N, C-alpha and C. Protein backbone atom coordinates (compact mmCIF):
# COMPACT_ATOMS: atom_id res chain seq x y z
N MET A 1 117.33 45.19 119.49
CA MET A 1 118.26 45.74 120.46
C MET A 1 117.88 45.25 121.85
N GLU A 2 118.86 44.85 122.60
CA GLU A 2 118.67 44.39 123.94
C GLU A 2 118.18 45.54 124.84
N PRO A 3 117.27 45.26 125.78
CA PRO A 3 116.75 46.32 126.66
C PRO A 3 117.86 47.11 127.39
N LYS A 4 118.89 46.44 127.85
CA LYS A 4 119.98 47.12 128.57
C LYS A 4 120.66 48.14 127.66
N GLN A 5 120.93 47.77 126.40
CA GLN A 5 121.56 48.68 125.47
C GLN A 5 120.62 49.85 125.16
N LEU A 6 119.35 49.55 124.94
CA LEU A 6 118.38 50.61 124.67
C LEU A 6 118.31 51.60 125.85
N SER A 7 118.27 51.06 127.05
CA SER A 7 118.27 51.92 128.24
C SER A 7 119.49 52.84 128.28
N GLU A 8 120.66 52.27 128.03
CA GLU A 8 121.90 53.08 128.06
C GLU A 8 121.88 54.16 126.97
N GLU A 9 121.46 53.75 125.75
CA GLU A 9 121.46 54.71 124.65
C GLU A 9 120.45 55.82 124.86
N LEU A 10 119.27 55.48 125.34
CA LEU A 10 118.26 56.53 125.55
C LEU A 10 118.64 57.46 126.70
N ARG A 11 119.20 56.93 127.76
CA ARG A 11 119.49 57.77 128.92
C ARG A 11 120.80 58.50 128.80
N LYS A 12 121.82 57.87 128.16
CA LYS A 12 123.17 58.47 128.20
C LYS A 12 123.72 58.77 126.82
N GLY A 13 123.09 58.29 125.77
CA GLY A 13 123.61 58.46 124.42
C GLY A 13 123.62 59.92 124.02
N LYS A 14 124.62 60.26 123.19
CA LYS A 14 124.77 61.64 122.77
C LYS A 14 124.99 61.67 121.23
N ASN A 15 124.10 62.34 120.58
CA ASN A 15 124.27 62.78 119.18
C ASN A 15 123.20 63.81 118.91
N PRO A 16 123.32 64.55 117.85
CA PRO A 16 122.33 65.62 117.61
C PRO A 16 120.88 65.11 117.48
N HIS A 17 120.72 63.94 116.84
CA HIS A 17 119.35 63.42 116.73
C HIS A 17 118.75 63.12 118.09
N MET A 18 119.54 62.51 118.96
CA MET A 18 119.05 62.17 120.30
C MET A 18 118.71 63.44 121.09
N SER A 19 119.55 64.44 120.95
CA SER A 19 119.24 65.71 121.67
C SER A 19 117.92 66.29 121.20
N ARG A 20 117.67 66.26 119.91
CA ARG A 20 116.40 66.75 119.40
C ARG A 20 115.24 65.87 119.80
N ARG A 21 115.44 64.55 119.82
CA ARG A 21 114.40 63.65 120.28
C ARG A 21 114.03 63.90 121.71
N ARG A 22 115.03 64.15 122.54
CA ARG A 22 114.74 64.47 123.96
C ARG A 22 113.91 65.76 124.07
N ALA A 23 114.23 66.71 123.24
CA ALA A 23 113.44 67.96 123.22
C ALA A 23 112.01 67.67 122.78
N ILE A 24 111.84 66.82 121.77
CA ILE A 24 110.50 66.44 121.31
C ILE A 24 109.73 65.73 122.41
N ILE A 25 110.39 64.86 123.14
CA ILE A 25 109.74 64.16 124.25
C ILE A 25 109.30 65.18 125.28
N GLY A 26 110.16 66.13 125.62
CA GLY A 26 109.80 67.15 126.60
C GLY A 26 108.65 68.00 126.12
N LEU A 27 108.66 68.41 124.86
CA LEU A 27 107.55 69.20 124.29
C LEU A 27 106.27 68.38 124.30
N SER A 28 106.37 67.10 124.02
CA SER A 28 105.19 66.22 124.06
C SER A 28 104.62 66.17 125.47
N MET A 29 105.49 66.11 126.47
CA MET A 29 105.01 66.09 127.86
C MET A 29 104.34 67.41 128.20
N VAL A 30 104.86 68.54 127.71
CA VAL A 30 104.21 69.83 127.96
C VAL A 30 102.85 69.86 127.26
N GLY A 31 102.78 69.43 125.98
CA GLY A 31 101.49 69.39 125.29
C GLY A 31 100.50 68.48 125.99
N GLY A 32 100.94 67.31 126.47
CA GLY A 32 100.07 66.45 127.22
C GLY A 32 99.62 67.04 128.51
N SER A 33 100.49 67.79 129.19
CA SER A 33 100.13 68.47 130.44
C SER A 33 99.04 69.51 130.19
N MET A 34 99.12 70.20 129.07
CA MET A 34 98.07 71.16 128.71
C MET A 34 96.74 70.44 128.54
N GLY A 35 96.79 69.27 127.90
CA GLY A 35 95.57 68.45 127.74
C GLY A 35 95.04 67.96 129.08
N GLN A 36 95.92 67.68 130.02
CA GLN A 36 95.49 67.23 131.36
C GLN A 36 94.73 68.37 132.06
N LEU A 37 95.28 69.58 131.98
CA LEU A 37 94.60 70.72 132.62
C LEU A 37 93.23 70.95 132.01
N VAL A 38 93.19 70.92 130.68
CA VAL A 38 91.88 71.11 129.99
C VAL A 38 90.91 70.00 130.39
N THR A 39 91.40 68.78 130.49
CA THR A 39 90.56 67.64 130.90
C THR A 39 89.96 67.87 132.29
N LEU A 40 90.78 68.34 133.21
CA LEU A 40 90.28 68.61 134.57
C LEU A 40 89.12 69.58 134.55
N TYR A 41 89.19 70.59 133.70
CA TYR A 41 88.11 71.55 133.57
C TYR A 41 86.90 70.92 132.86
N GLN A 42 87.17 70.27 131.74
CA GLN A 42 86.08 69.74 130.93
C GLN A 42 85.26 68.64 131.60
N THR A 43 85.83 68.02 132.61
CA THR A 43 85.13 66.97 133.29
C THR A 43 84.68 67.36 134.69
N GLY A 44 84.76 68.67 135.00
CA GLY A 44 84.23 69.17 136.27
C GLY A 44 85.08 68.97 137.48
N ILE A 45 86.32 68.52 137.33
CA ILE A 45 87.17 68.34 138.48
C ILE A 45 87.64 69.70 139.03
N ILE A 46 87.87 70.63 138.11
CA ILE A 46 88.14 72.02 138.51
C ILE A 46 87.10 72.89 137.80
N SER A 47 86.79 74.07 138.35
CA SER A 47 85.71 74.85 137.82
C SER A 47 86.18 76.06 136.97
N HIS A 48 87.50 76.27 136.89
CA HIS A 48 87.98 77.44 136.16
C HIS A 48 89.43 77.22 135.68
N LEU A 49 89.69 77.65 134.47
CA LEU A 49 91.07 77.67 133.95
C LEU A 49 91.50 79.13 133.87
N PRO A 50 92.53 79.50 134.59
CA PRO A 50 92.95 80.90 134.58
C PRO A 50 93.50 81.29 133.20
N ASP A 51 93.25 82.54 132.84
CA ASP A 51 93.70 83.10 131.56
C ASP A 51 94.72 84.21 131.80
N PRO A 52 95.65 84.41 130.86
CA PRO A 52 96.49 85.61 130.95
C PRO A 52 95.59 86.85 130.64
N PRO A 53 96.04 88.02 131.05
CA PRO A 53 95.21 89.22 130.82
C PRO A 53 95.30 89.73 129.38
N ILE A 54 94.98 88.85 128.46
CA ILE A 54 94.98 89.17 127.01
C ILE A 54 93.58 88.85 126.49
N PRO A 55 92.89 89.79 125.90
CA PRO A 55 91.46 89.60 125.57
C PRO A 55 91.16 88.42 124.63
N ILE A 56 92.12 87.97 123.82
CA ILE A 56 91.79 86.90 122.88
C ILE A 56 91.73 85.51 123.56
N PHE A 57 92.14 85.45 124.84
CA PHE A 57 92.15 84.16 125.54
C PHE A 57 90.99 84.05 126.50
N ASP A 58 90.23 82.95 126.38
CA ASP A 58 89.14 82.63 127.29
C ASP A 58 88.98 81.11 127.32
N ALA A 59 89.83 80.46 128.10
CA ALA A 59 89.85 79.02 128.14
C ALA A 59 88.53 78.42 128.58
N ASP A 60 87.90 79.04 129.59
CA ASP A 60 86.63 78.50 130.09
C ASP A 60 85.58 78.46 128.95
N LYS A 61 85.48 79.56 128.21
CA LYS A 61 84.51 79.64 127.12
C LYS A 61 84.83 78.60 126.03
N VAL A 62 86.06 78.55 125.59
CA VAL A 62 86.44 77.67 124.51
C VAL A 62 86.29 76.21 124.93
N ASP A 63 86.81 75.87 126.12
CA ASP A 63 86.82 74.47 126.54
C ASP A 63 85.50 73.95 127.03
N ALA A 64 84.48 74.84 127.15
CA ALA A 64 83.12 74.39 127.49
C ALA A 64 82.19 74.49 126.27
N SER A 65 82.73 74.91 125.13
CA SER A 65 81.88 75.12 123.94
C SER A 65 81.54 73.83 123.20
N ASN A 66 80.61 73.94 122.31
CA ASN A 66 80.26 72.78 121.47
C ASN A 66 81.48 72.23 120.74
N TYR A 67 82.31 73.13 120.28
CA TYR A 67 83.55 72.76 119.57
C TYR A 67 84.37 71.74 120.37
N ALA A 68 84.48 71.96 121.68
CA ALA A 68 85.38 71.13 122.53
C ALA A 68 84.79 69.76 122.83
N TYR A 69 83.52 69.55 122.53
CA TYR A 69 82.89 68.27 122.81
C TYR A 69 82.32 67.61 121.53
N SER A 70 82.82 68.03 120.39
CA SER A 70 82.20 67.64 119.12
C SER A 70 82.83 66.38 118.47
N ARG A 71 83.81 65.79 119.10
CA ARG A 71 84.51 64.65 118.49
C ARG A 71 84.43 63.41 119.40
N PHE A 72 84.00 62.31 118.83
CA PHE A 72 84.03 61.01 119.50
C PHE A 72 83.18 61.00 120.79
N ASN A 73 82.16 61.85 120.85
CA ASN A 73 81.29 61.90 122.03
C ASN A 73 82.12 62.10 123.32
N SER A 74 83.10 62.99 123.23
CA SER A 74 84.08 63.14 124.30
C SER A 74 84.58 64.61 124.32
N PRO A 75 85.00 65.06 125.49
CA PRO A 75 85.73 66.32 125.51
C PRO A 75 87.07 66.14 124.81
N ASP A 76 87.62 67.26 124.29
CA ASP A 76 88.88 67.11 123.52
C ASP A 76 90.14 67.05 124.37
N GLY A 77 90.06 67.38 125.66
CA GLY A 77 91.27 67.35 126.53
C GLY A 77 91.88 65.97 126.63
N PRO A 78 91.10 64.91 126.89
CA PRO A 78 91.72 63.57 126.95
C PRO A 78 92.33 63.14 125.59
N ILE A 79 91.73 63.62 124.52
CA ILE A 79 92.28 63.31 123.19
C ILE A 79 93.66 63.97 123.02
N MET A 80 93.79 65.22 123.56
CA MET A 80 95.13 65.90 123.52
C MET A 80 96.12 65.08 124.31
N VAL A 81 95.75 64.59 125.47
CA VAL A 81 96.66 63.79 126.31
C VAL A 81 97.14 62.58 125.54
N LEU A 82 96.21 61.89 124.90
CA LEU A 82 96.54 60.67 124.15
C LEU A 82 97.46 60.99 122.99
N THR A 83 97.16 62.02 122.23
CA THR A 83 97.95 62.27 121.02
C THR A 83 99.40 62.71 121.38
N TYR A 84 99.52 63.49 122.44
CA TYR A 84 100.91 63.89 122.82
C TYR A 84 101.65 62.72 123.44
N ALA A 85 100.94 61.82 124.12
CA ALA A 85 101.62 60.59 124.61
C ALA A 85 102.12 59.75 123.49
N LEU A 86 101.33 59.62 122.41
CA LEU A 86 101.78 58.85 121.24
C LEU A 86 102.99 59.48 120.59
N THR A 87 103.01 60.80 120.48
CA THR A 87 104.13 61.47 119.90
C THR A 87 105.38 61.26 120.78
N GLY A 88 105.24 61.40 122.07
CA GLY A 88 106.38 61.18 122.98
C GLY A 88 106.91 59.77 122.87
N TRP A 89 105.98 58.80 122.76
CA TRP A 89 106.40 57.38 122.62
C TRP A 89 107.18 57.20 121.33
N LEU A 90 106.71 57.76 120.22
CA LEU A 90 107.41 57.59 118.97
C LEU A 90 108.81 58.24 119.01
N ALA A 91 108.93 59.35 119.72
CA ALA A 91 110.23 60.02 119.88
C ALA A 91 111.16 59.16 120.74
N ALA A 92 110.59 58.45 121.70
CA ALA A 92 111.43 57.65 122.61
C ALA A 92 111.76 56.27 122.08
N ALA A 93 111.04 55.81 121.07
CA ALA A 93 111.25 54.43 120.56
C ALA A 93 112.54 54.38 119.77
N GLY A 94 113.30 53.31 119.97
CA GLY A 94 114.48 53.06 119.21
C GLY A 94 115.74 53.63 119.86
N GLY A 95 116.85 53.11 119.45
CA GLY A 95 118.13 53.50 120.04
C GLY A 95 118.72 54.75 119.41
N LEU A 96 119.99 54.92 119.75
CA LEU A 96 120.73 56.15 119.38
C LEU A 96 120.78 56.35 117.86
N ASP A 97 120.94 55.30 117.13
CA ASP A 97 121.15 55.42 115.66
C ASP A 97 119.94 54.86 114.92
N ARG A 98 118.76 55.15 115.39
CA ARG A 98 117.55 54.56 114.80
C ARG A 98 117.30 55.03 113.37
N ALA A 99 117.76 56.22 113.01
CA ALA A 99 117.50 56.69 111.65
C ALA A 99 118.20 55.76 110.61
N ARG A 100 119.28 55.13 110.99
CA ARG A 100 119.95 54.17 110.08
C ARG A 100 119.54 52.74 110.35
N ARG A 101 119.31 52.38 111.61
CA ARG A 101 118.98 50.99 111.95
C ARG A 101 117.52 50.66 111.78
N ASN A 102 116.65 51.65 111.99
CA ASN A 102 115.21 51.46 111.90
C ASN A 102 114.56 52.75 111.41
N PRO A 103 114.79 53.11 110.15
CA PRO A 103 114.39 54.42 109.65
C PRO A 103 112.88 54.66 109.67
N LEU A 104 112.09 53.60 109.76
CA LEU A 104 110.66 53.79 109.79
C LEU A 104 110.20 54.48 111.09
N LEU A 105 110.96 54.30 112.18
CA LEU A 105 110.56 54.94 113.45
C LEU A 105 110.62 56.47 113.34
N PRO A 106 111.74 57.09 112.93
CA PRO A 106 111.72 58.53 112.81
C PRO A 106 110.77 59.04 111.74
N ILE A 107 110.56 58.28 110.71
CA ILE A 107 109.61 58.69 109.67
C ILE A 107 108.19 58.69 110.26
N ALA A 108 107.87 57.65 111.01
CA ALA A 108 106.53 57.59 111.65
C ALA A 108 106.38 58.74 112.63
N MET A 109 107.46 59.05 113.38
CA MET A 109 107.39 60.16 114.30
C MET A 109 107.19 61.48 113.54
N GLY A 110 107.90 61.64 112.45
CA GLY A 110 107.78 62.86 111.65
C GLY A 110 106.38 63.01 111.08
N VAL A 111 105.80 61.94 110.56
CA VAL A 111 104.45 61.99 110.00
C VAL A 111 103.44 62.35 111.11
N LYS A 112 103.62 61.72 112.29
CA LYS A 112 102.72 61.97 113.42
C LYS A 112 102.81 63.43 113.84
N ILE A 113 104.01 63.99 113.91
CA ILE A 113 104.18 65.38 114.33
C ILE A 113 103.62 66.32 113.26
N LEU A 114 103.81 65.99 111.99
CA LEU A 114 103.23 66.78 110.92
C LEU A 114 101.69 66.79 111.03
N LEU A 115 101.10 65.63 111.30
CA LEU A 115 99.66 65.56 111.51
C LEU A 115 99.23 66.36 112.73
N ASP A 116 100.02 66.23 113.82
CA ASP A 116 99.70 67.03 115.06
C ASP A 116 99.67 68.52 114.72
N THR A 117 100.66 68.96 113.98
CA THR A 117 100.77 70.40 113.64
C THR A 117 99.62 70.85 112.77
N ALA A 118 99.32 70.07 111.74
CA ALA A 118 98.23 70.42 110.84
C ALA A 118 96.86 70.40 111.60
N ILE A 119 96.66 69.39 112.39
CA ILE A 119 95.40 69.29 113.15
C ILE A 119 95.31 70.43 114.14
N SER A 120 96.42 70.76 114.82
CA SER A 120 96.39 71.86 115.77
C SER A 120 96.04 73.19 115.11
N ALA A 121 96.59 73.41 113.93
CA ALA A 121 96.29 74.65 113.19
C ALA A 121 94.82 74.69 112.81
N LYS A 122 94.30 73.57 112.35
CA LYS A 122 92.89 73.51 111.98
C LYS A 122 91.99 73.71 113.19
N LEU A 123 92.33 73.09 114.30
CA LEU A 123 91.54 73.25 115.51
C LEU A 123 91.58 74.68 116.04
N ALA A 124 92.74 75.35 115.93
CA ALA A 124 92.84 76.75 116.34
C ALA A 124 91.91 77.57 115.50
N GLN A 125 91.85 77.32 114.21
CA GLN A 125 90.93 78.05 113.31
C GLN A 125 89.48 77.80 113.75
N GLU A 126 89.12 76.55 114.07
CA GLU A 126 87.78 76.24 114.51
C GLU A 126 87.48 76.89 115.85
N GLU A 127 88.45 76.85 116.73
CA GLU A 127 88.33 77.46 118.07
C GLU A 127 87.93 78.93 117.95
N TRP A 128 88.69 79.63 117.10
CA TRP A 128 88.41 81.05 116.88
C TRP A 128 87.09 81.28 116.20
N SER A 129 86.81 80.51 115.17
CA SER A 129 85.61 80.65 114.38
C SER A 129 84.35 80.52 115.26
N GLU A 130 84.33 79.52 116.11
CA GLU A 130 83.15 79.30 116.94
C GLU A 130 83.11 80.22 118.16
N ASN A 131 84.24 80.56 118.73
CA ASN A 131 84.25 81.24 120.04
C ASN A 131 84.80 82.68 120.03
N LYS A 132 85.44 83.08 118.93
CA LYS A 132 86.10 84.38 118.86
C LYS A 132 87.06 84.53 120.07
N ALA A 133 87.66 83.40 120.42
CA ALA A 133 88.61 83.34 121.55
C ALA A 133 89.45 82.07 121.35
N PHE A 134 90.60 82.07 122.02
CA PHE A 134 91.46 80.91 122.03
C PHE A 134 91.61 80.36 123.46
N CYS A 135 91.86 79.10 123.55
CA CYS A 135 92.28 78.48 124.78
C CYS A 135 93.81 78.56 124.80
N GLU A 136 94.37 79.26 125.74
CA GLU A 136 95.84 79.41 125.77
C GLU A 136 96.52 78.09 126.01
N TYR A 137 95.90 77.18 126.72
CA TYR A 137 96.48 75.86 126.98
C TYR A 137 96.61 75.08 125.67
N CYS A 138 95.59 75.16 124.85
CA CYS A 138 95.60 74.51 123.56
C CYS A 138 96.65 75.13 122.62
N GLN A 139 96.80 76.44 122.74
CA GLN A 139 97.77 77.12 121.87
C GLN A 139 99.22 76.85 122.33
N VAL A 140 99.43 76.65 123.62
CA VAL A 140 100.75 76.21 124.05
C VAL A 140 101.06 74.85 123.45
N ALA A 141 100.08 73.98 123.44
CA ALA A 141 100.26 72.66 122.82
C ALA A 141 100.53 72.78 121.34
N THR A 142 99.89 73.72 120.67
CA THR A 142 100.14 73.95 119.24
C THR A 142 101.57 74.37 119.02
N VAL A 143 102.07 75.28 119.84
CA VAL A 143 103.46 75.72 119.70
C VAL A 143 104.41 74.57 119.94
N CYS A 144 104.08 73.67 120.88
CA CYS A 144 104.90 72.48 121.12
C CYS A 144 104.95 71.62 119.87
N SER A 145 103.83 71.48 119.16
CA SER A 145 103.81 70.68 117.92
C SER A 145 104.65 71.30 116.85
N ILE A 146 104.54 72.60 116.68
CA ILE A 146 105.32 73.30 115.66
C ILE A 146 106.82 73.17 115.97
N ALA A 147 107.20 73.39 117.21
CA ALA A 147 108.62 73.25 117.57
C ALA A 147 109.10 71.83 117.35
N SER A 148 108.26 70.85 117.71
CA SER A 148 108.63 69.46 117.51
C SER A 148 108.82 69.13 116.03
N LEU A 149 107.99 69.70 115.20
CA LEU A 149 108.13 69.47 113.75
C LEU A 149 109.47 69.97 113.26
N VAL A 150 109.88 71.17 113.66
CA VAL A 150 111.15 71.71 113.27
C VAL A 150 112.29 70.79 113.75
N LEU A 151 112.18 70.35 115.01
CA LEU A 151 113.21 69.50 115.57
C LEU A 151 113.28 68.13 114.90
N ALA A 152 112.16 67.63 114.42
CA ALA A 152 112.12 66.26 113.83
C ALA A 152 112.75 66.20 112.45
N VAL A 153 112.77 67.30 111.72
CA VAL A 153 113.18 67.27 110.31
C VAL A 153 114.54 66.65 110.06
N PRO A 154 115.59 67.01 110.77
CA PRO A 154 116.91 66.41 110.47
C PRO A 154 116.95 64.89 110.56
N GLU A 155 116.33 64.32 111.62
CA GLU A 155 116.35 62.86 111.73
C GLU A 155 115.47 62.21 110.66
N VAL A 156 114.36 62.82 110.36
CA VAL A 156 113.51 62.28 109.29
C VAL A 156 114.23 62.27 107.97
N VAL A 157 114.97 63.36 107.67
CA VAL A 157 115.71 63.43 106.42
C VAL A 157 116.78 62.32 106.41
N THR A 158 117.47 62.13 107.49
CA THR A 158 118.47 61.06 107.57
C THR A 158 117.81 59.70 107.32
N ALA A 159 116.65 59.46 107.93
CA ALA A 159 115.95 58.20 107.75
C ALA A 159 115.51 57.99 106.32
N ILE A 160 115.02 59.02 105.68
CA ILE A 160 114.60 58.91 104.28
C ILE A 160 115.79 58.63 103.41
N ARG A 161 116.88 59.34 103.67
CA ARG A 161 118.13 59.07 102.89
C ARG A 161 118.59 57.65 103.07
N THR A 162 118.45 57.12 104.28
CA THR A 162 118.84 55.72 104.55
C THR A 162 117.97 54.78 103.72
N LEU A 163 116.67 55.04 103.72
CA LEU A 163 115.75 54.17 102.95
C LEU A 163 116.05 54.24 101.44
N LEU A 164 116.47 55.41 101.00
CA LEU A 164 116.78 55.60 99.57
C LEU A 164 118.19 55.10 99.22
N GLY A 165 118.94 54.65 100.23
CA GLY A 165 120.29 54.14 99.98
C GLY A 165 121.34 55.22 99.86
N LYS A 166 121.02 56.42 100.34
CA LYS A 166 121.96 57.53 100.31
C LYS A 166 122.45 57.75 101.73
N GLN A 167 123.76 57.77 101.90
CA GLN A 167 124.28 57.97 103.23
C GLN A 167 124.27 59.43 103.60
N ASP A 168 123.86 59.73 104.81
CA ASP A 168 123.85 61.10 105.32
C ASP A 168 125.28 61.61 105.40
N LYS A 169 125.54 62.90 105.05
CA LYS A 169 126.86 63.45 105.06
C LYS A 169 127.52 63.36 106.42
N ASN A 170 126.77 63.67 107.50
CA ASN A 170 127.31 63.64 108.86
C ASN A 170 127.68 62.18 109.24
N THR A 171 126.86 61.20 108.85
CA THR A 171 127.13 59.84 109.14
C THR A 171 128.36 59.35 108.36
N ALA A 172 128.44 59.75 107.11
CA ALA A 172 129.59 59.38 106.29
C ALA A 172 130.89 59.96 106.88
N ALA A 173 130.82 61.20 107.35
CA ALA A 173 132.02 61.80 107.94
C ALA A 173 132.40 61.09 109.23
N SER A 174 131.42 60.76 110.07
CA SER A 174 131.77 60.07 111.31
C SER A 174 132.25 58.65 111.06
N ASN A 175 131.70 57.98 110.05
CA ASN A 175 132.15 56.63 109.72
C ASN A 175 133.59 56.61 109.18
N SER A 176 133.95 57.67 108.49
CA SER A 176 135.30 57.72 107.90
C SER A 176 136.34 58.03 108.96
N THR A 177 135.94 58.58 110.11
CA THR A 177 136.88 58.89 111.17
C THR A 177 137.00 57.77 112.18
N GLN A 178 136.17 56.73 112.07
CA GLN A 178 136.20 55.62 113.06
C GLN A 178 137.21 54.60 112.69
């Protein structure tokens, strides 16, 4: 696809899959923003992460714990930023009708979001197990992953149907009216 066409389709294109992709991109940016805040704390740029007045949340405790520094000899905040950036990129890649023209893109996005969701759930369990507290910033990111997974399903199903040679009902109906 030519860059000009891709630009037009991504910025102005309208269909249900694109609307959901835009929501996934937005949720990925929120998840990445949560990782940026955690990173600022974990690297000493800021000295405190404020918590809501709910006893199960203690971001400072969780994000300074062994748990938060146990992977790749790194704090986990920058890893959150990277993973949500990759998810946002996969949601932004491809044009308006990518489920039919390039079905591997939405499938890759769906697999990535499924992994994000599963990893987030596992990390929440570890967070609680080690700290008896949650980082609310991390849990906002987890909710973003879960919401993204729900939003990704229709396009992933269309892409799988395309790969299997089965036309999506909505696509068949729109093709018959053109």
